[in-house]
Amino acid sequence: MQQAPSTKLQMHYYLNDELHRMDAIVRNKCEAELLAIVQEVAKALNTHIIIDAEAWKEGGLRDIWAFANANAGVLSVIIGVTSIIVSRIPTNNPELEQLKKEDLKLSIL
């Protein structure tokens, strides 16, 4: 059986605290960057897409964006490429981590 192409992308922000909230400006900037990536991928594929935001679901901050286009295969490629690009973005700063380790060593001494 052939699997239907995916036409949705869900963002789930994992929070480090129990407050279940996130700075709105930071969140908006994150989403703006992700939308810019999606638009660049679509532009590279020479296609136009429509992105609709769906209603929230329970459990953390989650957004579901529904993509629309006559060609569901192109949408699957856009979502797949976007997912790969986003997964390669470092979640931490290696230089900062190294500095923290050095600071901890010095404070112990």
PDB file of N, CA and C in Angstrom:
ATOM      1  N   MET A   1       0.843  -1.173   0.000  1.00  0.00           N
ATOM      2  CA  MET A   1       0.000   0.000   0.000  1.00  0.00           C
ATOM      3  C   MET A   1       0.892   1.243   0.000  1.00  0.00           C
ATOM      4  N   GLN A   2       0.560   2.205  -0.843  1.00  0.00           N
ATOM      5  CA  GLN A   2       1.336   3.431  -0.931  1.00  0.00           C
ATOM      6  C   GLN A   2       0.829   4.441   0.099  1.00  0.00           C
ATOM      7  N   GLN A   3       1.767   5.064   0.811  1.00  0.00           N
ATOM      8  CA  GLN A   3       1.409   6.029   1.844  1.00  0.00           C
ATOM      9  C   GLN A   3       1.079   7.371   1.197  1.00  0.00           C
ATOM     10  N   ALA A   4       0.027   8.020   1.689  1.00  0.00           N
ATOM     11  CA  ALA A   4      -0.360   9.333   1.170  1.00  0.00           C
ATOM     12  C   ALA A   4       0.700  10.364   1.524  1.00  0.00           C
ATOM     13  N   PRO A   5       0.991  11.310   0.607  1.00  0.00           N
ATOM     14  CA  PRO A   5       2.002  12.323   0.912  1.00  0.00           C
ATOM     15  C   PRO A   5       1.543  13.232   2.049  1.00  0.00           C
ATOM     16  N   SER A   6       2.494  13.653   2.868  1.00  0.00           N
ATOM     17  CA  SER A   6       2.180  14.528   3.992  1.00  0.00           C
ATOM     18  C   SER A   6       2.015  15.953   3.501  1.00  0.00           C
ATOM     19  N   THR A   7       0.972  16.610   3.988  1.00  0.00           N
ATOM     20  CA  THR A   7       0.746  18.003   3.622  1.00  0.00           C
ATOM     21  C   THR A   7       0.666  18.890   4.853  1.00  0.00           C
ATOM     22  N   LYS A   8       1.132  18.388   6.002  1.00  0.00           N
ATOM     23  CA  LYS A   8       1.093  19.168   7.236  1.00  0.00           C
ATOM     24  C   LYS A   8       2.432  19.096   7.951  1.00  0.00           C
ATOM     25  N   LEU A   9       2.746  20.163   8.658  1.00  0.00           N
ATOM     26  CA  LEU A   9       3.959  20.238   9.457  1.00  0.00           C
ATOM     27  C   LEU A   9       3.550  20.714  10.839  1.00  0.00           C
ATOM     28  N   GLN A  10       3.933  19.972  11.861  1.00  0.00           N
ATOM     29  CA  GLN A  10       3.573  20.329  13.235  1.00  0.00           C
ATOM     30  C   GLN A  10       4.808  20.783  13.988  1.00  0.00           C
ATOM     31  N   MET A  11       4.697  21.912  14.673  1.00  0.00           N
ATOM     32  CA  MET A  11       5.765  22.394  15.531  1.00  0.00           C
ATOM     33  C   MET A  11       5.371  22.113  16.975  1.00  0.00           C
ATOM     34  N   HIS A  12       6.313  21.574  17.741  1.00  0.00           N
ATOM     35  CA  HIS A  12       6.067  21.320  19.158  1.00  0.00           C
ATOM     36  C   HIS A  12       7.261  21.872  19.903  1.00  0.00           C
ATOM     37  N   TYR A  13       7.037  22.889  20.696  1.00  0.00           N
ATOM     38  CA  TYR A  13       8.105  23.521  21.452  1.00  0.00           C
ATOM     39  C   TYR A  13       8.232  22.796  22.785  1.00  0.00           C
ATOM     40  N   TYR A  14       9.363  22.148  22.999  1.00  0.00           N
ATOM     41  CA  TYR A  14       9.605  21.453  24.256  1.00  0.00           C
ATOM     42  C   TYR A  14      10.197  22.456  25.240  1.00  0.00           C
ATOM     43  N   LEU A  15       9.531  22.621  26.362  1.00  0.00           N
ATOM     44  CA  LEU A  15       9.900  23.642  27.327  1.00  0.00           C
ATOM     45  C   LEU A  15      10.686  23.030  28.479  1.00  0.00           C
ATOM     46  N   ASN A  16      11.684  23.772  28.977  1.00  0.00           N
ATOM     47  CA  ASN A  16      12.529  23.277  30.057  1.00  0.00           C
ATOM     48  C   ASN A  16      11.929  23.494  31.438  1.00  0.00           C
ATOM     49  N   ASP A  17      10.905  24.292  31.533  1.00  0.00           N
ATOM     50  CA  ASP A  17      10.307  24.566  32.839  1.00  0.00           C
ATOM     51  C   ASP A  17       8.867  24.042  32.859  1.00  0.00           C
ATOM     52  N   GLU A  18       8.242  24.183  33.988  1.00  0.00           N
ATOM     53  CA  GLU A  18       6.862  23.702  34.139  1.00  0.00           C
ATOM     54  C   GLU A  18       5.839  24.813  33.936  1.00  0.00           C
ATOM     55  N   LEU A  19       6.270  25.937  33.385  1.00  0.00           N
ATOM     56  CA  LEU A  19       5.365  27.075  33.230  1.00  0.00           C
ATOM     57  C   LEU A  19       4.412  26.927  32.052  1.00  0.00           C
ATOM     58  N   HIS A  20       4.737  26.089  31.099  1.00  0.00           N
ATOM     59  CA  HIS A  20       3.905  25.868  29.915  1.00  0.00           C
ATOM     60  C   HIS A  20       3.609  27.167  29.183  1.00  0.00           C
ATOM     61  N   ARG A  21       4.659  27.968  29.026  1.00  0.00           N
ATOM     62  CA  ARG A  21       4.522  29.197  28.251  1.00  0.00           C
ATOM     63  C   ARG A  21       5.867  29.499  27.611  1.00  0.00           C
ATOM     64  N   MET A  22       5.812  30.414  26.647  1.00  0.00           N
ATOM     65  CA  MET A  22       7.010  30.753  25.892  1.00  0.00           C
ATOM     66  C   MET A  22       6.946  32.227  25.528  1.00  0.00           C
ATOM     67  N   ASP A  23       8.097  32.879  25.503  1.00  0.00           N
ATOM     68  CA  ASP A  23       8.165  34.280  25.106  1.00  0.00           C
ATOM     69  C   ASP A  23       7.584  34.420  23.696  1.00  0.00           C
ATOM     70  N   ALA A  24       6.577  35.254  23.564  1.00  0.00           N
ATOM     71  CA  ALA A  24       5.858  35.391  22.291  1.00  0.00           C
ATOM     72  C   ALA A  24       6.747  35.934  21.180  1.00  0.00           C
ATOM     73  N   ILE A  25       7.645  36.853  21.512  1.00  0.00           N
ATOM     74  CA  ILE A  25       8.532  37.415  20.495  1.00  0.00           C
ATOM     75  C   ILE A  25       9.489  36.345  19.978  1.00  0.00           C
ATOM     76  N   VAL A  26      10.049  35.558  20.886  1.00  0.00           N
ATOM     77  CA  VAL A  26      10.960  34.480  20.493  1.00  0.00           C
ATOM     78  C   VAL A  26      10.207  33.473  19.628  1.00  0.00           C
ATOM     79  N   ARG A  27       9.019  33.105  20.057  1.00  0.00           N
ATOM     80  CA  ARG A  27       8.226  32.134  19.302  1.00  0.00           C
ATOM     81  C   ARG A  27       7.898  32.657  17.919  1.00  0.00           C
ATOM     82  N   ASN A  28       7.490  33.919  17.852  1.00  0.00           N
ATOM     83  CA  ASN A  28       7.146  34.514  16.568  1.00  0.00           C
ATOM     84  C   ASN A  28       8.351  34.545  15.635  1.00  0.00           C
ATOM     85  N   LYS A  29       9.528  34.875  16.173  1.00  0.00           N
ATOM     86  CA  LYS A  29      10.734  34.907  15.345  1.00  0.00           C
ATOM     87  C   LYS A  29      11.089  33.508  14.851  1.00  0.00           C
ATOM     88  N   CYS A  30      10.923  32.500  15.716  1.00  0.00           N
ATOM     89  CA  CYS A  30      11.181  31.114  15.306  1.00  0.00           C
ATOM     90  C   CYS A  30      10.270  30.724  14.148  1.00  0.00           C
ATOM     91  N   GLU A  31       8.996  31.050  14.281  1.00  0.00           N
ATOM     92  CA  GLU A  31       8.041  30.700  13.236  1.00  0.00           C
ATOM     93  C   GLU A  31       8.297  31.487  11.954  1.00  0.00           C
ATOM     94  N   ALA A  32       8.696  32.751  12.090  1.00  0.00           N
ATOM     95  CA  ALA A  32       9.007  33.557  10.907  1.00  0.00           C
ATOM     96  C   ALA A  32      10.176  32.945  10.142  1.00  0.00           C
ATOM     97  N   GLU A  33      11.194  32.487  10.886  1.00  0.00           N
ATOM     98  CA  GLU A  33      12.347  31.855  10.238  1.00  0.00           C
ATOM     99  C   GLU A  33      11.940  30.561   9.532  1.00  0.00           C
ATOM    100  N   LEU A  34      11.106  29.769  10.194  1.00  0.00           N
ATOM    101  CA  LEU A  34      10.655  28.514   9.592  1.00  0.00           C
ATOM    102  C   LEU A  34       9.823  28.780   8.334  1.00  0.00           C
ATOM    103  N   LEU A  35       8.937  29.778   8.404  1.00  0.00           N
ATOM    104  CA  LEU A  35       8.136  30.128   7.224  1.00  0.00           C
ATOM    105  C   LEU A  35       9.028  30.603   6.080  1.00  0.00           C
ATOM    106  N   ALA A  36      10.080  31.357   6.409  1.00  0.00           N
ATOM    107  CA  ALA A  36      11.012  31.822   5.385  1.00  0.00           C
ATOM    108  C   ALA A  36      11.711  30.641   4.724  1.00  0.00           C
ATOM    109  N   ILE A  37      12.078  29.624   5.514  1.00  0.00           N
ATOM    110  CA  ILE A  37      12.713  28.421   4.957  1.00  0.00           C
ATOM    111  C   ILE A  37      11.742  27.714   4.015  1.00  0.00           C
ATOM    112  N   VAL A  38      10.491  27.550   4.457  1.00  0.00           N
ATOM    113  CA  VAL A  38       9.484  26.881   3.628  1.00  0.00           C
ATOM    114  C   VAL A  38       9.299  27.646   2.315  1.00  0.00           C
ATOM    115  N   GLN A  39       9.216  28.963   2.398  1.00  0.00           N
ATOM    116  CA  GLN A  39       9.034  29.768   1.185  1.00  0.00           C
ATOM    117  C   GLN A  39      10.231  29.654   0.245  1.00  0.00           C
ATOM    118  N   GLU A  40      11.454  29.600   0.800  1.00  0.00           N
ATOM    119  CA  GLU A  40      12.642  29.459  -0.038  1.00  0.00           C
ATOM    120  C   GLU A  40      12.676  28.100  -0.735  1.00  0.00           C
ATOM    121  N   VAL A  41      12.267  27.060  -0.006  1.00  0.00           N
ATOM    122  CA  VAL A  41      12.224  25.722  -0.624  1.00  0.00           C
ATOM    123  C   VAL A  41      11.197  25.714  -1.751  1.00  0.00           C
ATOM    124  N   ALA A  42      10.020  26.297  -1.506  1.00  0.00           N
ATOM    125  CA  ALA A  42       8.987  26.359  -2.547  1.00  0.00           C
ATOM    126  C   ALA A  42       9.478  27.178  -3.745  1.00  0.00           C
ATOM    127  N   LYS A  43      10.161  28.279  -3.462  1.00  0.00           N
ATOM    128  CA  LYS A  43      10.701  29.134  -4.531  1.00  0.00           C
ATOM    129  C   LYS A  43      11.723  28.362  -5.362  1.00  0.00           C
ATOM    130  N   ALA A  44      12.591  27.596  -4.680  1.00  0.00           N
ATOM    131  CA  ALA A  44      13.595  26.796  -5.392  1.00  0.00           C
ATOM    132  C   ALA A  44      12.939  25.753  -6.283  1.00  0.00           C
ATOM    133  N   LEU A  45      11.751  25.279  -5.880  1.00  0.00           N
ATOM    134  CA  LEU A  45      11.009  24.300  -6.673  1.00  0.00           C
ATOM    135  C   LEU A  45      10.044  24.968  -7.648  1.00  0.00           C
ATOM    136  N   ASN A  46      10.116  26.311  -7.705  1.00  0.00           N
ATOM    137  CA  ASN A  46       9.308  27.102  -8.626  1.00  0.00           C
ATOM    138  C   ASN A  46       7.810  26.810  -8.486  1.00  0.00           C
ATOM    139  N   THR A  47       7.345  26.838  -7.237  1.00  0.00           N
ATOM    140  CA  THR A  47       5.929  26.592  -6.988  1.00  0.00           C
ATOM    141  C   THR A  47       5.402  27.573  -5.959  1.00  0.00           C
ATOM    142  N   HIS A  48       4.103  27.764  -5.957  1.00  0.00           N
ATOM    143  CA  HIS A  48       3.434  28.651  -5.005  1.00  0.00           C
ATOM    144  C   HIS A  48       2.647  27.782  -4.034  1.00  0.00           C
ATOM    145  N   ILE A  49       2.743  28.090  -2.741  1.00  0.00           N
ATOM    146  CA  ILE A  49       1.988  27.341  -1.748  1.00  0.00           C
ATOM    147  C   ILE A  49       1.202  28.293  -0.865  1.00  0.00           C
ATOM    148  N   ILE A  50       0.181  27.756  -0.255  1.00  0.00           N
ATOM    149  CA  ILE A  50      -0.636  28.480   0.724  1.00  0.00           C
ATOM    150  C   ILE A  50      -0.430  27.770   2.055  1.00  0.00           C
ATOM    151  N   ILE A  51      -0.178  28.529   3.116  1.00  0.00           N
ATOM    152  CA  ILE A  51       0.042  27.936   4.435  1.00  0.00           C
ATOM    153  C   ILE A  51      -1.045  28.459   5.373  1.00  0.00           C
ATOM    154  N   ASP A  52      -1.860  27.560   5.880  1.00  0.00           N
ATOM    155  CA  ASP A  52      -2.907  27.905   6.836  1.00  0.00           C
ATOM    156  C   ASP A  52      -2.524  27.369   8.209  1.00  0.00           C
ATOM    157  N   ALA A  53      -2.792  28.122   9.257  1.00  0.00           N
ATOM    158  CA  ALA A  53      -2.564  27.655  10.629  1.00  0.00           C
ATOM    159  C   ALA A  53      -3.845  27.015  11.142  1.00  0.00           C
ATOM    160  N   GLU A  54      -3.734  25.796  11.646  1.00  0.00           N
ATOM    161  CA  GLU A  54      -4.897  25.081  12.182  1.00  0.00           C
ATOM    162  C   GLU A  54      -5.040  25.332  13.678  1.00  0.00           C
ATOM    163  N   ALA A  55      -6.176  24.923  14.228  1.00  0.00           N
ATOM    164  CA  ALA A  55      -6.445  25.083  15.657  1.00  0.00           C
ATOM    165  C   ALA A  55      -5.446  24.307  16.489  1.00  0.00           C
ATOM    166  N   TRP A  56      -5.160  24.825  17.674  1.00  0.00           N
ATOM    167  CA  TRP A  56      -4.226  24.185  18.599  1.00  0.00           C
ATOM    168  C   TRP A  56      -4.786  22.870  19.103  1.00  0.00           C
ATOM    169  N   LYS A  57      -3.877  21.991  19.448  1.00  0.00           N
ATOM    170  CA  LYS A  57      -4.216  20.710  20.073  1.00  0.00           C
ATOM    171  C   LYS A  57      -3.710  20.738  21.509  1.00  0.00           C
ATOM    172  N   GLU A  58      -4.183  19.819  22.348  1.00  0.00           N
ATOM    173  CA  GLU A  58      -3.725  19.761  23.737  1.00  0.00           C
ATOM    174  C   GLU A  58      -2.284  19.296  23.831  1.00  0.00           C
ATOM    175  N   GLY A  59      -1.597  19.730  24.900  1.00  0.00           N
ATOM    176  CA  GLY A  59      -0.252  19.236  25.195  1.00  0.00           C
ATOM    177  C   GLY A  59       0.848  20.145  24.711  1.00  0.00           C
ATOM    178  N   GLY A  60       1.237  21.108  25.516  1.00  0.00           N
ATOM    179  CA  GLY A  60       2.328  22.016  25.142  1.00  0.00           C
ATOM    180  C   GLY A  60       1.882  23.028  24.111  1.00  0.00           C
ATOM    181  N   LEU A  61       2.846  23.750  23.587  1.00  0.00           N
ATOM    182  CA  LEU A  61       2.567  24.705  22.524  1.00  0.00           C
ATOM    183  C   LEU A  61       2.781  23.997  21.197  1.00  0.00           C
ATOM    184  N   ARG A  62       1.717  23.772  20.503  1.00  0.00           N
ATOM    185  CA  ARG A  62       1.793  23.094  19.216  1.00  0.00           C
ATOM    186  C   ARG A  62       1.018  23.895  18.189  1.00  0.00           C
ATOM    187  N   ASP A  63       1.593  24.025  17.028  1.00  0.00           N
ATOM    188  CA  ASP A  63       0.906  24.615  15.894  1.00  0.00           C
ATOM    189  C   ASP A  63       0.938  23.601  14.772  1.00  0.00           C
ATOM    190  N   ILE A  64      -0.110  23.555  14.025  1.00  0.00           N
ATOM    191  CA  ILE A  64      -0.153  22.691  12.855  1.00  0.00           C
ATOM    192  C   ILE A  64      -0.424  23.595  11.667  1.00  0.00           C
ATOM    193  N   TRP A  65       0.485  23.582  10.722  1.00  0.00           N
ATOM    194  CA  TRP A  65       0.315  24.368   9.508  1.00  0.00           C
ATOM    195  C   TRP A  65      -0.133  23.439   8.391  1.00  0.00           C
ATOM    196  N   ALA A  66      -1.218  23.777   7.756  1.00  0.00           N
ATOM    197  CA  ALA A  66      -1.722  22.981   6.640  1.00  0.00           C
ATOM    198  C   ALA A  66      -1.278  23.631   5.329  1.00  0.00           C
ATOM    199  N   PHE A  67      -0.627  22.864   4.479  1.00  0.00           N
ATOM    200  CA  PHE A  67      -0.128  23.360   3.203  1.00  0.00           C
ATOM    201  C   PHE A  67      -1.104  22.959   2.110  1.00  0.00           C
ATOM    202  N   ALA A  68      -1.340  23.862   1.169  1.00  0.00           N
ATOM    203  CA  ALA A  68      -2.284  23.578   0.089  1.00  0.00           C
ATOM    204  C   ALA A  68      -1.644  23.896  -1.260  1.00  0.00           C
ATOM    205  N   ASN A  69      -1.873  23.018  -2.199  1.00  0.00           N
ATOM    206  CA  ASN A  69      -1.388  23.199  -3.557  1.00  0.00           C
ATOM    207  C   ASN A  69      -2.040  22.099  -4.375  1.00  0.00           C
ATOM    208  N   ALA A  70      -2.109  22.276  -5.664  1.00  0.00           N
ATOM    209  CA  ALA A  70      -2.701  21.244  -6.514  1.00  0.00           C
ATOM    210  C   ALA A  70      -1.858  19.969  -6.517  1.00  0.00           C
ATOM    211  N   ASN A  71      -0.568  20.085  -6.233  1.00  0.00           N
ATOM    212  CA  ASN A  71       0.327  18.942  -6.309  1.00  0.00           C
ATOM    213  C   ASN A  71       0.789  18.541  -4.907  1.00  0.00           C
ATOM    214  N   ALA A  72       0.176  17.508  -4.338  1.00  0.00           N
ATOM    215  CA  ALA A  72       0.518  17.046  -2.986  1.00  0.00           C
ATOM    216  C   ALA A  72       1.942  16.493  -2.923  1.00  0.00           C
ATOM    217  N   GLY A  73       2.451  15.959  -4.026  1.00  0.00           N
ATOM    218  CA  GLY A  73       3.817  15.444  -4.055  1.00  0.00           C
ATOM    219  C   GLY A  73       4.835  16.552  -3.837  1.00  0.00           C
ATOM    220  N   VAL A  74       4.598  17.723  -4.451  1.00  0.00           N
ATOM    221  CA  VAL A  74       5.496  18.866  -4.268  1.00  0.00           C
ATOM    222  C   VAL A  74       5.450  19.326  -2.818  1.00  0.00           C
ATOM    223  N   LEU A  75       4.269  19.323  -2.226  1.00  0.00           N
ATOM    224  CA  LEU A  75       4.143  19.716  -0.822  1.00  0.00           C
ATOM    225  C   LEU A  75       4.924  18.768   0.075  1.00  0.00           C
ATOM    226  N   SER A  76       4.885  17.478  -0.216  1.00  0.00           N
ATOM    227  CA  SER A  76       5.639  16.502   0.566  1.00  0.00           C
ATOM    228  C   SER A  76       7.137  16.769   0.470  1.00  0.00           C
ATOM    229  N   VAL A  77       7.597  17.134  -0.710  1.00  0.00           N
ATOM    230  CA  VAL A  77       9.020  17.442  -0.895  1.00  0.00           C
ATOM    231  C   VAL A  77       9.380  18.689  -0.094  1.00  0.00           C
ATOM    232  N   ILE A  78       8.545  19.718  -0.160  1.00  0.00           N
ATOM    233  CA  ILE A  78       8.800  20.961   0.581  1.00  0.00           C
ATOM    234  C   ILE A  78       8.874  20.677   2.070  1.00  0.00           C
ATOM    235  N   ILE A  79       7.910  19.926   2.593  1.00  0.00           N
ATOM    236  CA  ILE A  79       7.890  19.613   4.023  1.00  0.00           C
ATOM    237  C   ILE A  79       9.079  18.740   4.400  1.00  0.00           C
ATOM    238  N   GLY A  80       9.397  17.763   3.572  1.00  0.00           N
ATOM    239  CA  GLY A  80      10.536  16.889   3.846  1.00  0.00           C
ATOM    240  C   GLY A  80      11.852  17.648   3.862  1.00  0.00           C
ATOM    241  N   VAL A  81      12.084  18.496   2.859  1.00  0.00           N
ATOM    242  CA  VAL A  81      13.318  19.274   2.796  1.00  0.00           C
ATOM    243  C   VAL A  81      13.385  20.251   3.964  1.00  0.00           C
ATOM    244  N   THR A  82      12.266  20.896   4.284  1.00  0.00           N
ATOM    245  CA  THR A  82      12.223  21.828   5.411  1.00  0.00           C
ATOM    246  C   THR A  82      12.546  21.099   6.711  1.00  0.00           C
ATOM    247  N   SER A  83      11.993  19.907   6.895  1.00  0.00           N
ATOM    248  CA  SER A  83      12.262  19.123   8.098  1.00  0.00           C
ATOM    249  C   SER A  83      13.742  18.769   8.215  1.00  0.00           C
ATOM    250  N   ILE A  84      14.356  18.420   7.103  1.00  0.00           N
ATOM    251  CA  ILE A  84      15.787  18.100   7.114  1.00  0.00           C
ATOM    252  C   ILE A  84      16.604  19.335   7.464  1.00  0.00           C
ATOM    253  N   ILE A  85      16.283  20.473   6.851  1.00  0.00           N
ATOM    254  CA  ILE A  85      17.011  21.714   7.130  1.00  0.00           C
ATOM    255  C   ILE A  85      16.889  22.081   8.599  1.00  0.00           C
ATOM    256  N   VAL A  86      15.673  22.055   9.123  1.00  0.00           N
ATOM    257  CA  VAL A  86      15.436  22.447  10.521  1.00  0.00           C
ATOM    258  C   VAL A  86      16.121  21.474  11.475  1.00  0.00           C
ATOM    259  N   SER A  87      16.153  20.197  11.139  1.00  0.00           N
ATOM    260  CA  SER A  87      16.783  19.218  12.030  1.00  0.00           C
ATOM    261  C   SER A  87      18.293  19.405  12.107  1.00  0.00           C
ATOM    262  N   ARG A  88      18.886  20.095  11.148  1.00  0.00           N
ATOM    263  CA  ARG A  88      20.328  20.321  11.126  1.00  0.00           C
ATOM    264  C   ARG A  88      20.718  21.590  11.884  1.00  0.00           C
ATOM    265  N   ILE A  89      19.751  22.391  12.313  1.00  0.00           N
ATOM    266  CA  ILE A  89      20.041  23.611  13.056  1.00  0.00           C
ATOM    267  C   ILE A  89      20.481  23.211  14.458  1.00  0.00           C
ATOM    268  N   PRO A  90      21.670  23.658  14.874  1.00  0.00           N
ATOM    269  CA  PRO A  90      22.137  23.266  16.215  1.00  0.00           C
ATOM    270  C   PRO A  90      21.218  23.809  17.311  1.00  0.00           C
ATOM    271  N   THR A  91      20.978  22.969  18.311  1.00  0.00           N
ATOM    272  CA  THR A  91      20.122  23.394  19.417  1.00  0.00           C
ATOM    273  C   THR A  91      20.922  23.991  20.554  1.00  0.00           C
ATOM    274  N   ASN A  92      22.242  23.905  20.450  1.00  0.00           N
ATOM    275  CA  ASN A  92      23.073  24.521  21.474  1.00  0.00           C
ATOM    276  C   ASN A  92      24.273  25.178  20.815  1.00  0.00           C
ATOM    277  N   ASN A  93      24.997  25.951  21.586  1.00  0.00           N
ATOM    278  CA  ASN A  93      26.161  26.661  21.090  1.00  0.00           C
ATOM    279  C   ASN A  93      27.401  25.957  21.643  1.00  0.00           C
ATOM    280  N   PRO A  94      28.125  25.204  20.805  1.00  0.00           N
ATOM    281  CA  PRO A  94      29.283  24.444  21.296  1.00  0.00           C
ATOM    282  C   PRO A  94      30.334  25.338  21.964  1.00  0.00           C
ATOM    283  N   GLU A  95      30.547  26.528  21.434  1.00  0.00           N
ATOM    284  CA  GLU A  95      31.532  27.436  22.022  1.00  0.00           C
ATOM    285  C   GLU A  95      31.099  27.868  23.419  1.00  0.00           C
ATOM    286  N   LEU A  96      29.819  28.179  23.568  1.00  0.00           N
ATOM    287  CA  LEU A  96      29.288  28.563  24.874  1.00  0.00           C
ATOM    288  C   LEU A  96      29.383  27.401  25.855  1.00  0.00           C
ATOM    289  N   GLU A  97      29.080  26.202  25.399  1.00  0.00           N
ATOM    290  CA  GLU A  97      29.178  25.021  26.259  1.00  0.00           C
ATOM    291  C   GLU A  97      30.614  24.815  26.746  1.00  0.00           C
ATOM    292  N   GLN A  98      31.576  24.993  25.847  1.00  0.00           N
ATOM    293  CA  GLN A  98      32.979  24.841  26.225  1.00  0.00           C
ATOM    294  C   GLN A  98      33.381  25.889  27.261  1.00  0.00           C
ATOM    295  N   LEU A  99      32.919  27.126  27.060  1.00  0.00           N
ATOM    296  CA  LEU A  99      33.221  28.188  28.023  1.00  0.00           C
ATOM    297  C   LEU A  99      32.611  27.890  29.389  1.00  0.00           C
ATOM    298  N   LYS A 100      31.419  27.345  29.400  1.00  0.00           N
ATOM    299  CA  LYS A 100      30.772  26.978  30.670  1.00  0.00           C
ATOM    300  C   LYS A 100      31.566  25.893  31.388  1.00  0.00           C
ATOM    301  N   LYS A 101      32.059  24.908  30.631  1.00  0.00           N
ATOM    302  CA  LYS A 101      32.861  23.839  31.221  1.00  0.00           C
ATOM    303  C   LYS A 101      34.144  24.396  31.822  1.00  0.00           C
ATOM    304  N   GLU A 102      34.791  25.286  31.070  1.00  0.00           N
ATOM    305  CA  GLU A 102      36.032  25.890  31.572  1.00  0.00           C
ATOM    306  C   GLU A 102      35.765  26.723  32.827  1.00  0.00           C
ATOM    307  N   ASP A 103      34.670  27.464  32.823  1.00  0.00           N
ATOM    308  CA  ASP A 103      34.293  28.281  33.984  1.00  0.00           C
ATOM    309  C   ASP A 103      34.040  27.391  35.200  1.00  0.00           C
ATOM    310  N   LEU A 104      33.369  26.270  34.996  1.00  0.00           N
ATOM    311  CA  LEU A 104      33.097  25.346  36.089  1.00  0.00           C
ATOM    312  C   LEU A 104      34.401  24.763  36.635  1.00  0.00           C
ATOM    313  N   LYS A 105      35.309  24.389  35.756  1.00  0.00           N
ATOM    314  CA  LYS A 105      36.604  23.864  36.203  1.00  0.00           C
ATOM    315  C   LYS A 105      37.361  24.896  37.027  1.00  0.00           C
ATOM    316  N   LEU A 106      37.351  26.135  36.561  1.00  0.00           N
ATOM    317  CA  LEU A 106      38.052  27.204  37.291  1.00  0.00           C
ATOM    318  C   LEU A 106      37.408  27.477  38.644  1.00  0.00           C
ATOM    319  N   SER A 107      36.078  27.424  38.696  1.00  0.00           N
ATOM    320  CA  SER A 107      35.395  27.670  39.967  1.00  0.00           C
ATOM    321  C   SER A 107      35.654  26.536  40.956  1.00  0.00           C
ATOM    322  N   ILE A 108      35.837  25.334  40.481  1.00  0.00           N
ATOM    323  CA  ILE A 108      36.153  24.198  41.351  1.00  0.00           C
ATOM    324  C   ILE A 108      37.565  24.348  41.912  1.00  0.00           C
ATOM    325  N   LEU A 109      38.497  24.815  41.078  1.00  0.00           N
ATOM    326  CA  LEU A 109      39.882  25.002  41.529  1.00  0.00           C
ATOM    327  C   LEU A 109      39.951  26.113  42.549  1.00  0.00           C
TER     328      LEU A 109
END
